């Protein structure tokens, strides 16, 4: 079993590469120059992101991708499937981020297309219901439904029982919640790897999230609190492990790769979860990248290239 070893240099200001500083400064400057983002109606924010005017660059549409639906508890759940060249060597169930309020499978196509091409995996990306219009438990219910569909139909559809799961930010939260639901409600553990980037695993807010403050480096403390309020608008309690998977019994979960930047307000979530993952007897690897902002892999730069190579290797050899 590997050990979790943290390099103090990952957290040192002088370890931040000039290119990473430039990316961070540009994000802060752009967001500080905008009016209060929450004064804009959510449909307009979503439309701006979908047209490439959001915080994260919009990748080109993948020629490998197509849209389908999967039966869900509230009706069909949209999924975007990205196929590799040749027969899939496995399937990656991807869950996008956006604070359970924003985002889409299409907006993450740079990542999912890369995984299909480089790792030989079919990627099934879930467009789960978004809060506050359709709050908890709709999002995790949709992800659970797609996971169960994959378990049932995966061999016939993709020719393989080799499954991995993962996501970014709120998507990583939902990925872990899905693993726990399959284990506890359905007595199954079909996924053998979890690729978890910058997740929010404790919706009570970990110290790094609480103490971050106002700096809008992708998101800040107020943003995180708003996302939680949106997600739990009608029901749900941050003390519930289905909401905050850091609080769950984590035994019997697959090996996991945790990726996070040292300048991410959700840094502590990955530090704490990676340690608890290993303490529960699961294989756990944690990579902290100097100066990386929240979900830094969505922006160009040397640490992004490094992190994506590690993710490719993890998803190729799980």
C-alpha atoms as a PDB file:
ATOM      1  CA  UNK A   1       0.000   0.000   0.000  1.00  0.00           C
ATOM      2  CA  UNK A   2       1.531   3.383  -0.964  1.00  0.00           C
ATOM      3  CA  UNK A   3       2.049   6.085   1.605  1.00  0.00           C
ATOM      4  CA  UNK A   4       0.567   9.566   1.486  1.00  0.00           C
ATOM      5  CA  UNK A   5       3.523  11.936   1.511  1.00  0.00           C
ATOM      6  CA  UNK A   6       3.075  15.702   1.309  1.00  0.00           C
ATOM      7  CA  UNK A   7       5.921  17.818  -0.023  1.00  0.00           C
ATOM      8  CA  UNK A   8       6.094  21.111   1.907  1.00  0.00           C
ATOM      9  CA  UNK A   9       7.379  22.764  -1.264  1.00  0.00           C
ATOM     10  CA  UNK A  10       3.964  22.282  -2.887  1.00  0.00           C
ATOM     11  CA  UNK A  11       2.585  24.924  -0.521  1.00  0.00           C
ATOM     12  CA  UNK A  12       5.465  27.437  -0.766  1.00  0.00           C
ATOM     13  CA  UNK A  13       4.896  30.688  -2.643  1.00  0.00           C
ATOM     14  CA  UNK A  14       8.349  30.526  -4.222  1.00  0.00           C
ATOM     15  CA  UNK A  15       7.456  27.139  -5.752  1.00  0.00           C
ATOM     16  CA  UNK A  16       4.722  28.687  -7.907  1.00  0.00           C
ATOM     17  CA  UNK A  17       5.827  28.831 -11.532  1.00  0.00           C
ATOM     18  CA  UNK A  18       5.600  32.203 -13.342  1.00  0.00           C
ATOM     19  CA  UNK A  19       3.094  30.752 -15.802  1.00  0.00           C
ATOM     20  CA  UNK A  20       0.845  29.635 -12.959  1.00  0.00           C
ATOM     21  CA  UNK A  21       1.000  33.086 -11.372  1.00  0.00           C
ATOM     22  CA  UNK A  22       0.038  34.653 -14.692  1.00  0.00           C
ATOM     23  CA  UNK A  23      -3.001  32.393 -15.020  1.00  0.00           C
ATOM     24  CA  UNK A  24      -4.109  33.118 -11.446  1.00  0.00           C
ATOM     25  CA  UNK A  25      -3.602  36.878 -11.804  1.00  0.00           C
ATOM     26  CA  UNK A  26      -5.590  36.917 -15.042  1.00  0.00           C
ATOM     27  CA  UNK A  27      -8.495  35.036 -13.441  1.00  0.00           C
ATOM     28  CA  UNK A  28      -8.620  37.362 -10.422  1.00  0.00           C
ATOM     29  CA  UNK A  29      -8.329  40.486 -12.580  1.00  0.00           C
ATOM     30  CA  UNK A  30     -11.127  39.321 -14.874  1.00  0.00           C
ATOM     31  CA  UNK A  31     -13.502  38.355 -12.070  1.00  0.00           C
ATOM     32  CA  UNK A  32     -12.783  41.497 -10.038  1.00  0.00           C
ATOM     33  CA  UNK A  33     -13.660  43.572 -13.092  1.00  0.00           C
ATOM     34  CA  UNK A  34     -17.102  42.022 -13.438  1.00  0.00           C
ATOM     35  CA  UNK A  35     -20.255  43.045 -11.584  1.00  0.00           C
ATOM     36  CA  UNK A  36     -21.449  40.741  -8.839  1.00  0.00           C
ATOM     37  CA  UNK A  37     -21.813  37.457 -10.701  1.00  0.00           C
ATOM     38  CA  UNK A  38     -24.808  36.501  -8.586  1.00  0.00           C
ATOM     39  CA  UNK A  39     -26.704  39.608  -9.693  1.00  0.00           C
ATOM     40  CA  UNK A  40     -27.075  37.953 -13.113  1.00  0.00           C
ATOM     41  CA  UNK A  41     -29.907  35.405 -13.489  1.00  0.00           C
ATOM     42  CA  UNK A  42     -28.676  31.813 -13.455  1.00  0.00           C
ATOM     43  CA  UNK A  43     -29.986  31.025 -16.965  1.00  0.00           C
ATOM     44  CA  UNK A  44     -27.859  33.887 -18.282  1.00  0.00           C
ATOM     45  CA  UNK A  45     -24.785  32.644 -16.405  1.00  0.00           C
ATOM     46  CA  UNK A  46     -25.289  29.152 -17.795  1.00  0.00           C
ATOM     47  CA  UNK A  47     -25.790  30.476 -21.320  1.00  0.00           C
ATOM     48  CA  UNK A  48     -22.611  32.544 -21.064  1.00  0.00           C
ATOM     49  CA  UNK A  49     -20.619  29.524 -19.944  1.00  0.00           C
ATOM     50  CA  UNK A  50     -22.068  27.409 -22.741  1.00  0.00           C
ATOM     51  CA  UNK A  51     -21.045  30.051 -25.293  1.00  0.00           C
ATOM     52  CA  UNK A  52     -17.466  30.292 -24.010  1.00  0.00           C
ATOM     53  CA  UNK A  53     -17.861  33.445 -21.901  1.00  0.00           C
ATOM     54  CA  UNK A  54     -17.477  31.770 -18.522  1.00  0.00           C
ATOM     55  CA  UNK A  55     -14.487  31.554 -16.194  1.00  0.00           C
ATOM     56  CA  UNK A  56     -13.233  28.348 -17.784  1.00  0.00           C
ATOM     57  CA  UNK A  57     -12.303  28.221 -21.483  1.00  0.00           C
ATOM     58  CA  UNK A  58     -14.867  26.365 -23.610  1.00  0.00           C
ATOM     59  CA  UNK A  59     -13.183  23.480 -25.454  1.00  0.00           C
ATOM     60  CA  UNK A  60     -13.997  22.611 -29.040  1.00  0.00           C
ATOM     61  CA  UNK A  61     -16.850  20.185 -29.526  1.00  0.00           C
ATOM     62  CA  UNK A  62     -15.554  16.641 -29.782  1.00  0.00           C
ATOM     63  CA  UNK A  63     -16.205  14.725 -32.986  1.00  0.00           C
ATOM     64  CA  UNK A  64     -16.217  11.608 -30.806  1.00  0.00           C
ATOM     65  CA  UNK A  65     -19.200  12.742 -28.727  1.00  0.00           C
ATOM     66  CA  UNK A  66     -22.932  12.230 -29.008  1.00  0.00           C
ATOM     67  CA  UNK A  67     -25.927  12.739 -26.725  1.00  0.00           C
ATOM     68  CA  UNK A  68     -28.233  10.097 -25.294  1.00  0.00           C
ATOM     69  CA  UNK A  69     -30.562   9.693 -22.329  1.00  0.00           C
ATOM     70  CA  UNK A  70     -30.685   7.139 -19.532  1.00  0.00           C
ATOM     71  CA  UNK A  71     -33.801   6.305 -17.480  1.00  0.00           C
ATOM     72  CA  UNK A  72     -33.804   8.122 -14.152  1.00  0.00           C
ATOM     73  CA  UNK A  73     -36.062   8.545 -11.119  1.00  0.00           C
ATOM     74  CA  UNK A  74     -37.526  11.821 -12.405  1.00  0.00           C
ATOM     75  CA  UNK A  75     -37.435  11.027 -16.107  1.00  0.00           C
ATOM     76  CA  UNK A  76     -34.657  10.694 -18.693  1.00  0.00           C
ATOM     77  CA  UNK A  77     -31.168  11.778 -17.598  1.00  0.00           C
ATOM     78  CA  UNK A  78     -29.087  13.292 -20.419  1.00  0.00           C
ATOM     79  CA  UNK A  79     -25.608  11.869 -20.903  1.00  0.00           C
ATOM     80  CA  UNK A  80     -22.874  12.757 -23.362  1.00  0.00           C
ATOM     81  CA  UNK A  81     -20.871   9.764 -24.551  1.00  0.00           C
ATOM     82  CA  UNK A  82     -17.370  10.188 -25.955  1.00  0.00           C
ATOM     83  CA  UNK A  83     -15.971   7.120 -27.711  1.00  0.00           C
ATOM     84  CA  UNK A  84     -12.311   6.186 -28.151  1.00  0.00           C
ATOM     85  CA  UNK A  85     -10.655   5.011 -31.327  1.00  0.00           C
ATOM     86  CA  UNK A  86     -11.356   1.302 -31.507  1.00  0.00           C
ATOM     87  CA  UNK A  87     -13.035  -0.892 -28.936  1.00  0.00           C
ATOM     88  CA  UNK A  88     -13.207   0.654 -25.443  1.00  0.00           C
ATOM     89  CA  UNK A  89     -10.751  -0.718 -22.901  1.00  0.00           C
ATOM     90  CA  UNK A  90     -13.098   0.415 -20.156  1.00  0.00           C
ATOM     91  CA  UNK A  91     -15.690   3.054 -19.296  1.00  0.00           C
ATOM     92  CA  UNK A  92     -15.165   6.253 -17.332  1.00  0.00           C
ATOM     93  CA  UNK A  93     -18.280   7.649 -15.659  1.00  0.00           C
ATOM     94  CA  UNK A  94     -17.641  11.395 -15.533  1.00  0.00           C
ATOM     95  CA  UNK A  95     -19.538  13.897 -13.386  1.00  0.00           C
ATOM     96  CA  UNK A  96     -18.952  17.577 -14.147  1.00  0.00           C
ATOM     97  CA  UNK A  97     -18.445  20.360 -11.625  1.00  0.00           C
ATOM     98  CA  UNK A  98     -20.118  23.725 -11.140  1.00  0.00           C
ATOM     99  CA  UNK A  99     -21.258  23.773  -7.526  1.00  0.00           C
ATOM    100  CA  UNK A 100     -24.261  21.557  -8.373  1.00  0.00           C
ATOM    101  CA  UNK A 101     -25.649  24.771  -9.924  1.00  0.00           C
ATOM    102  CA  UNK A 102     -23.671  25.355 -13.120  1.00  0.00           C
ATOM    103  CA  UNK A 103     -21.796  23.332 -15.712  1.00  0.00           C
ATOM    104  CA  UNK A 104     -22.526  20.649 -18.265  1.00  0.00           C
ATOM    105  CA  UNK A 105     -20.970  17.646 -19.902  1.00  0.00           C
ATOM    106  CA  UNK A 106     -20.329  19.702 -23.039  1.00  0.00           C
ATOM    107  CA  UNK A 107     -18.295  22.280 -21.123  1.00  0.00           C
ATOM    108  CA  UNK A 108     -15.892  19.534 -19.989  1.00  0.00           C
ATOM    109  CA  UNK A 109     -15.266  18.071 -23.417  1.00  0.00           C
ATOM    110  CA  UNK A 110     -11.596  19.001 -23.449  1.00  0.00           C
ATOM    111  CA  UNK A 111     -11.064  16.642 -20.516  1.00  0.00           C
ATOM    112  CA  UNK A 112     -13.418  13.870 -21.585  1.00  0.00           C
ATOM    113  CA  UNK A 113     -12.213  13.838 -25.190  1.00  0.00           C
ATOM    114  CA  UNK A 114      -8.631  13.617 -23.973  1.00  0.00           C
ATOM    115  CA  UNK A 115      -9.440  10.659 -21.732  1.00  0.00           C
ATOM    116  CA  UNK A 116     -11.205   8.831 -24.548  1.00  0.00           C
ATOM    117  CA  UNK A 117      -8.301   9.430 -26.927  1.00  0.00           C
ATOM    118  CA  UNK A 118      -5.379   8.880 -24.556  1.00  0.00           C
ATOM    119  CA  UNK A 119      -6.747   6.165 -22.276  1.00  0.00           C
ATOM    120  CA  UNK A 120      -8.879   4.169 -24.709  1.00  0.00           C
ATOM    121  CA  UNK A 121     -11.973   4.577 -22.526  1.00  0.00           C
ATOM    122  CA  UNK A 122     -15.545   5.313 -23.445  1.00  0.00           C
ATOM    123  CA  UNK A 123     -16.591   8.314 -21.367  1.00  0.00           C
ATOM    124  CA  UNK A 124     -20.168   8.687 -20.131  1.00  0.00           C
ATOM    125  CA  UNK A 125     -20.623  12.232 -18.786  1.00  0.00           C
ATOM    126  CA  UNK A 126     -23.787  12.936 -16.785  1.00  0.00           C
ATOM    127  CA  UNK A 127     -25.881  16.086 -17.220  1.00  0.00           C
ATOM    128  CA  UNK A 128     -27.547  15.738 -13.836  1.00  0.00           C
ATOM    129  CA  UNK A 129     -30.305  18.042 -12.576  1.00  0.00           C
ATOM    130  CA  UNK A 130     -29.010  21.410 -11.387  1.00  0.00           C
ATOM    131  CA  UNK A 131     -29.901  23.405  -8.288  1.00  0.00           C
ATOM    132  CA  UNK A 132     -31.531  25.572  -7.132  1.00  0.00           C
ATOM    133  CA  UNK A 133     -34.338  24.759  -9.560  1.00  0.00           C
ATOM    134  CA  UNK A 134     -33.949  21.021  -8.957  1.00  0.00           C
ATOM    135  CA  UNK A 135     -31.923  20.688  -5.749  1.00  0.00           C
ATOM    136  CA  UNK A 136     -30.686  17.749  -3.675  1.00  0.00           C
ATOM    137  CA  UNK A 137     -31.297  14.842  -3.879  1.00  0.00           C
ATOM    138  CA  UNK A 138     -31.964  15.132  -7.618  1.00  0.00           C
ATOM    139  CA  UNK A 139     -28.299  15.467  -8.652  1.00  0.00           C
ATOM    140  CA  UNK A 140     -27.002  12.391  -6.833  1.00  0.00           C
ATOM    141  CA  UNK A 141     -30.160  10.489  -7.773  1.00  0.00           C
ATOM    142  CA  UNK A 142     -29.406  11.105 -11.457  1.00  0.00           C
ATOM    143  CA  UNK A 143     -25.761  10.057 -11.062  1.00  0.00           C
ATOM    144  CA  UNK A 144     -26.816   6.918  -9.191  1.00  0.00           C
ATOM    145  CA  UNK A 145     -29.268   6.060 -11.990  1.00  0.00           C
ATOM    146  CA  UNK A 146     -26.604   6.416 -14.682  1.00  0.00           C
ATOM    147  CA  UNK A 147     -24.166   4.320 -12.652  1.00  0.00           C
ATOM    148  CA  UNK A 148     -26.759   1.561 -12.310  1.00  0.00           C
ATOM    149  CA  UNK A 149     -27.472   1.759 -16.044  1.00  0.00           C
ATOM    150  CA  UNK A 150     -23.764   1.375 -16.742  1.00  0.00           C
ATOM    151  CA  UNK A 151     -23.508  -1.671 -14.478  1.00  0.00           C
ATOM    152  CA  UNK A 152     -26.499  -3.259 -16.224  1.00  0.00           C
ATOM    153  CA  UNK A 153     -25.768  -2.286 -19.824  1.00  0.00           C
ATOM    154  CA  UNK A 154     -22.023  -1.693 -19.861  1.00  0.00           C
ATOM    155  CA  UNK A 155     -20.893  -5.107 -21.072  1.00  0.00           C
ATOM    156  CA  UNK A 156     -23.438  -5.255 -23.890  1.00  0.00           C
ATOM    157  CA  UNK A 157     -23.006  -1.609 -24.849  1.00  0.00           C
ATOM    158  CA  UNK A 158     -19.265  -1.125 -24.482  1.00  0.00           C
ATOM    159  CA  UNK A 159     -17.912  -4.673 -24.348  1.00  0.00           C
ATOM    160  CA  UNK A 160     -16.325  -4.319 -20.918  1.00  0.00           C
ATOM    161  CA  UNK A 161     -16.931  -4.521 -17.170  1.00  0.00           C
ATOM    162  CA  UNK A 162     -13.898  -2.310 -16.439  1.00  0.00           C
ATOM    163  CA  UNK A 163     -15.339   0.862 -14.898  1.00  0.00           C
ATOM    164  CA  UNK A 164     -13.835   4.004 -13.380  1.00  0.00           C
ATOM    165  CA  UNK A 165     -15.614   7.058 -12.004  1.00  0.00           C
ATOM    166  CA  UNK A 166     -14.605  10.633 -11.352  1.00  0.00           C
ATOM    167  CA  UNK A 167     -15.257  14.325 -11.619  1.00  0.00           C
ATOM    168  CA  UNK A 168     -14.180  17.820 -10.747  1.00  0.00           C
ATOM    169  CA  UNK A 169     -15.288  20.046  -7.846  1.00  0.00           C
ATOM    170  CA  UNK A 170     -18.973  19.333  -7.125  1.00  0.00           C
ATOM    171  CA  UNK A 171     -18.708  16.473  -9.613  1.00  0.00           C
ATOM    172  CA  UNK A 172     -16.077  14.799  -7.439  1.00  0.00           C
ATOM    173  CA  UNK A 173     -18.482  15.143  -4.502  1.00  0.00           C
ATOM    174  CA  UNK A 174     -21.193  13.391  -6.505  1.00  0.00           C
ATOM    175  CA  UNK A 175     -18.763  10.711  -7.684  1.00  0.00           C
ATOM    176  CA  UNK A 176     -17.986   9.712  -4.096  1.00  0.00           C
ATOM    177  CA  UNK A 177     -21.670   9.894  -3.136  1.00  0.00           C
ATOM    178  CA  UNK A 178     -22.422   7.561  -6.055  1.00  0.00           C
ATOM    179  CA  UNK A 179     -19.814   5.042  -4.897  1.00  0.00           C
ATOM    180  CA  UNK A 180     -21.301   5.097  -1.400  1.00  0.00           C
ATOM    181  CA  UNK A 181     -24.873   4.687  -2.645  1.00  0.00           C
ATOM    182  CA  UNK A 182     -23.940   1.721  -4.837  1.00  0.00           C
ATOM    183  CA  UNK A 183     -22.119   0.083  -1.926  1.00  0.00           C
ATOM    184  CA  UNK A 184     -24.779   0.744   0.714  1.00  0.00           C
ATOM    185  CA  UNK A 185     -28.080   0.682  -1.191  1.00  0.00           C
ATOM    186  CA  UNK A 186     -27.283  -1.817  -3.931  1.00  0.00           C
ATOM    187  CA  UNK A 187     -24.519  -3.919  -2.327  1.00  0.00           C
ATOM    188  CA  UNK A 188     -22.245  -3.494  -5.330  1.00  0.00           C
ATOM    189  CA  UNK A 189     -18.785  -2.107  -5.943  1.00  0.00           C
ATOM    190  CA  UNK A 190     -18.455  -2.070  -9.733  1.00  0.00           C
ATOM    191  CA  UNK A 191     -15.914   0.757 -10.017  1.00  0.00           C
ATOM    192  CA  UNK A 192     -12.245  -0.058  -9.574  1.00  0.00           C
ATOM    193  CA  UNK A 193     -10.826   3.476  -9.753  1.00  0.00           C
ATOM    194  CA  UNK A 194     -11.887   7.002  -8.783  1.00  0.00           C
ATOM    195  CA  UNK A 195     -10.336  10.107 -10.360  1.00  0.00           C
ATOM    196  CA  UNK A 196     -11.211  12.975  -8.017  1.00  0.00           C
ATOM    197  CA  UNK A 197     -10.186  16.568  -8.745  1.00  0.00           C
ATOM    198  CA  UNK A 198     -10.711  19.444  -6.283  1.00  0.00           C
ATOM    199  CA  UNK A 199     -13.820  17.989  -4.683  1.00  0.00           C
ATOM    200  CA  UNK A 200     -15.992  19.570  -2.000  1.00  0.00           C
ATOM    201  CA  UNK A 201     -16.354  16.689   0.448  1.00  0.00           C
ATOM    202  CA  UNK A 202     -17.598  18.538   3.546  1.00  0.00           C
ATOM    203  CA  UNK A 203     -20.427  20.969   2.893  1.00  0.00           C
ATOM    204  CA  UNK A 204     -20.100  22.342   6.407  1.00  0.00           C
ATOM    205  CA  UNK A 205     -16.962  23.960   4.859  1.00  0.00           C
ATOM    206  CA  UNK A 206     -13.442  22.858   5.736  1.00  0.00           C
ATOM    207  CA  UNK A 207     -11.006  25.433   7.198  1.00  0.00           C
ATOM    208  CA  UNK A 208      -9.482  26.321   3.831  1.00  0.00           C
ATOM    209  CA  UNK A 209     -12.936  27.072   2.432  1.00  0.00           C
ATOM    210  CA  UNK A 210     -14.092  29.009   5.507  1.00  0.00           C
ATOM    211  CA  UNK A 211     -10.917  31.080   5.739  1.00  0.00           C
ATOM    212  CA  UNK A 212     -10.306  31.800   2.057  1.00  0.00           C
ATOM    213  CA  UNK A 213     -12.124  35.132   2.028  1.00  0.00           C
ATOM    214  CA  UNK A 214     -13.169  37.298  -0.894  1.00  0.00           C
ATOM    215  CA  UNK A 215     -10.432  36.771  -3.499  1.00  0.00           C
ATOM    216  CA  UNK A 216     -12.210  35.469  -6.622  1.00  0.00           C
ATOM    217  CA  UNK A 217      -9.631  32.928  -7.766  1.00  0.00           C
ATOM    218  CA  UNK A 218     -12.316  30.982  -9.668  1.00  0.00           C
ATOM    219  CA  UNK A 219     -14.405  30.909  -6.492  1.00  0.00           C
ATOM    220  CA  UNK A 220     -14.300  32.225  -2.933  1.00  0.00           C
ATOM    221  CA  UNK A 221     -15.893  31.544   0.425  1.00  0.00           C
ATOM    222  CA  UNK A 222     -19.136  33.331  -0.417  1.00  0.00           C
ATOM    223  CA  UNK A 223     -19.442  31.385  -3.675  1.00  0.00           C
ATOM    224  CA  UNK A 224     -19.007  28.059  -1.913  1.00  0.00           C
ATOM    225  CA  UNK A 225     -21.622  28.977   0.698  1.00  0.00           C
ATOM    226  CA  UNK A 226     -24.058  30.014  -2.040  1.00  0.00           C
ATOM    227  CA  UNK A 227     -23.533  26.773  -3.932  1.00  0.00           C
ATOM    228  CA  UNK A 228     -24.291  24.816  -0.753  1.00  0.00           C
ATOM    229  CA  UNK A 229     -27.469  26.840  -0.168  1.00  0.00           C
ATOM    230  CA  UNK A 230     -28.573  26.211  -3.749  1.00  0.00           C
ATOM    231  CA  UNK A 231     -27.890  22.497  -3.498  1.00  0.00           C
ATOM    232  CA  UNK A 232     -29.707  22.054  -0.174  1.00  0.00           C
ATOM    233  CA  UNK A 233     -32.520  24.530  -0.893  1.00  0.00           C
ATOM    234  CA  UNK A 234     -35.353  22.167   0.037  1.00  0.00           C
ATOM    235  CA  UNK A 235     -33.925  19.209   1.939  1.00  0.00           C
ATOM    236  CA  UNK A 236     -30.587  17.790   2.987  1.00  0.00           C
ATOM    237  CA  UNK A 237     -28.201  18.385   5.851  1.00  0.00           C
ATOM    238  CA  UNK A 238     -24.452  19.030   5.595  1.00  0.00           C
ATOM    239  CA  UNK A 239     -24.000  16.556   8.463  1.00  0.00           C
ATOM    240  CA  UNK A 240     -25.414  13.739   6.296  1.00  0.00           C
ATOM    241  CA  UNK A 241     -22.695  11.573   4.668  1.00  0.00           C
ATOM    242  CA  UNK A 242     -24.791  11.467   1.477  1.00  0.00           C
ATOM    243  CA  UNK A 243     -24.278  15.245   1.303  1.00  0.00           C
ATOM    244  CA  UNK A 244     -20.792  15.473   2.852  1.00  0.00           C
ATOM    245  CA  UNK A 245     -19.036  12.213   1.959  1.00  0.00           C
ATOM    246  CA  UNK A 246     -16.017  13.089   4.113  1.00  0.00           C
ATOM    247  CA  UNK A 247     -18.240  12.040   7.038  1.00  0.00           C
ATOM    248  CA  UNK A 248     -19.058   8.602   5.581  1.00  0.00           C
ATOM    249  CA  UNK A 249     -17.685   5.163   6.336  1.00  0.00           C
ATOM    250  CA  UNK A 250     -15.258   4.903   3.412  1.00  0.00           C
ATOM    251  CA  UNK A 251     -14.346   1.238   3.688  1.00  0.00           C
ATOM    252  CA  UNK A 252     -14.371  -0.883   0.561  1.00  0.00           C
ATOM    253  CA  UNK A 253     -14.016   1.929  -1.971  1.00  0.00           C
ATOM    254  CA  UNK A 254     -11.759   1.753  -5.039  1.00  0.00           C
ATOM    255  CA  UNK A 255      -8.288   3.154  -5.402  1.00  0.00           C
ATOM    256  CA  UNK A 256      -8.384   6.913  -5.879  1.00  0.00           C
ATOM    257  CA  UNK A 257      -6.249   9.678  -7.311  1.00  0.00           C
ATOM    258  CA  UNK A 258      -6.865  13.052  -5.645  1.00  0.00           C
ATOM    259  CA  UNK A 259      -5.695  16.119  -7.585  1.00  0.00           C
ATOM    260  CA  UNK A 260      -5.802  19.644  -6.157  1.00  0.00           C
ATOM    261  CA  UNK A 261      -3.988  22.954  -6.393  1.00  0.00           C
ATOM    262  CA  UNK A 262      -2.349  24.551  -3.382  1.00  0.00           C
ATOM    263  CA  UNK A 263      -4.242  27.812  -4.082  1.00  0.00           C
ATOM    264  CA  UNK A 264      -7.656  26.170  -4.118  1.00  0.00           C
ATOM    265  CA  UNK A 265     -10.192  27.201  -1.462  1.00  0.00           C
ATOM    266  CA  UNK A 266     -11.162  23.520  -1.325  1.00  0.00           C
ATOM    267  CA  UNK A 267      -7.599  22.362  -0.652  1.00  0.00           C
ATOM    268  CA  UNK A 268      -8.435  20.929   2.775  1.00  0.00           C
ATOM    269  CA  UNK A 269     -11.240  18.822   1.320  1.00  0.00           C
ATOM    270  CA  UNK A 270      -8.727  16.820  -0.734  1.00  0.00           C
ATOM    271  CA  UNK A 271      -6.129  16.729   2.051  1.00  0.00           C
ATOM    272  CA  UNK A 272      -8.685  15.361   4.511  1.00  0.00           C
ATOM    273  CA  UNK A 273     -10.439  12.982   2.111  1.00  0.00           C
ATOM    274  CA  UNK A 274      -7.252  11.431   0.739  1.00  0.00           C
ATOM    275  CA  UNK A 275      -6.119  10.675   4.288  1.00  0.00           C
ATOM    276  CA  UNK A 276      -9.497   9.277   5.348  1.00  0.00           C
ATOM    277  CA  UNK A 277      -9.629   7.204   2.140  1.00  0.00           C
ATOM    278  CA  UNK A 278      -6.348   5.549   3.038  1.00  0.00           C
ATOM    279  CA  UNK A 279      -7.250   5.217   6.732  1.00  0.00           C
ATOM    280  CA  UNK A 280     -10.295   3.221   5.633  1.00  0.00           C
ATOM    281  CA  UNK A 281      -8.015   0.701   3.931  1.00  0.00           C
ATOM    282  CA  UNK A 282      -8.296   1.970   0.369  1.00  0.00           C
ATOM    283  CA  UNK A 283      -5.453   2.823  -1.987  1.00  0.00           C
ATOM    284  CA  UNK A 284      -5.069   6.595  -2.117  1.00  0.00           C
ATOM    285  CA  UNK A 285      -2.735   8.930  -4.002  1.00  0.00           C
ATOM    286  CA  UNK A 286      -2.699  12.712  -3.536  1.00  0.00           C
ATOM    287  CA  UNK A 287      -1.066  15.233  -5.861  1.00  0.00           C
ATOM    288  CA  UNK A 288      -0.926  18.871  -4.716  1.00  0.00           C
ATOM    289  CA  UNK A 289       0.264  21.321  -7.381  1.00  0.00           C
ATOM    290  CA  UNK A 290       2.017  24.571  -6.351  1.00  0.00           C
ATOM    291  CA  UNK A 291      -0.130  27.611  -6.989  1.00  0.00           C
ATOM    292  CA  UNK A 292      -2.904  25.670  -8.675  1.00  0.00           C
ATOM    293  CA  UNK A 293      -6.281  27.427  -8.527  1.00  0.00           C
ATOM    294  CA  UNK A 294      -9.637  25.673  -8.208  1.00  0.00           C
ATOM    295  CA  UNK A 295      -9.829  22.983 -10.920  1.00  0.00           C
ATOM    296  CA  UNK A 296      -6.637  24.377 -12.448  1.00  0.00           C
ATOM    297  CA  UNK A 297      -6.660  21.551 -14.999  1.00  0.00           C
ATOM    298  CA  UNK A 298      -9.289  23.582 -16.864  1.00  0.00           C
ATOM    299  CA  UNK A 299      -6.695  26.263 -17.689  1.00  0.00           C
ATOM    300  CA  UNK A 300      -3.537  25.970 -19.812  1.00  0.00           C
ATOM    301  CA  UNK A 301      -0.171  25.812 -18.101  1.00  0.00           C
ATOM    302  CA  UNK A 302       2.712  23.555 -17.075  1.00  0.00           C
ATOM    303  CA  UNK A 303       1.052  22.205 -13.928  1.00  0.00           C
ATOM    304  CA  UNK A 304      -2.036  21.364 -15.991  1.00  0.00           C
ATOM    305  CA  UNK A 305       0.093  19.383 -18.431  1.00  0.00           C
ATOM    306  CA  UNK A 306       1.748  17.576 -15.537  1.00  0.00           C
ATOM    307  CA  UNK A 307      -1.517  16.786 -13.783  1.00  0.00           C
ATOM    308  CA  UNK A 308      -3.245  15.583 -16.939  1.00  0.00           C
ATOM    309  CA  UNK A 309      -0.369  13.199 -17.663  1.00  0.00           C
ATOM    310  CA  UNK A 310      -0.778  11.738 -14.163  1.00  0.00           C
ATOM    311  CA  UNK A 311      -4.541  11.405 -14.675  1.00  0.00           C
ATOM    312  CA  UNK A 312      -4.008   9.759 -18.073  1.00  0.00           C
ATOM    313  CA  UNK A 313      -1.623   7.251 -16.522  1.00  0.00           C
ATOM    314  CA  UNK A 314      -4.018   6.522 -13.652  1.00  0.00           C
ATOM    315  CA  UNK A 315      -6.987   5.946 -15.971  1.00  0.00           C
ATOM    316  CA  UNK A 316      -4.946   3.918 -18.443  1.00  0.00           C
ATOM    317  CA  UNK A 317      -3.623   1.454 -15.882  1.00  0.00           C
ATOM    318  CA  UNK A 318      -6.400   1.097 -13.309  1.00  0.00           C
END
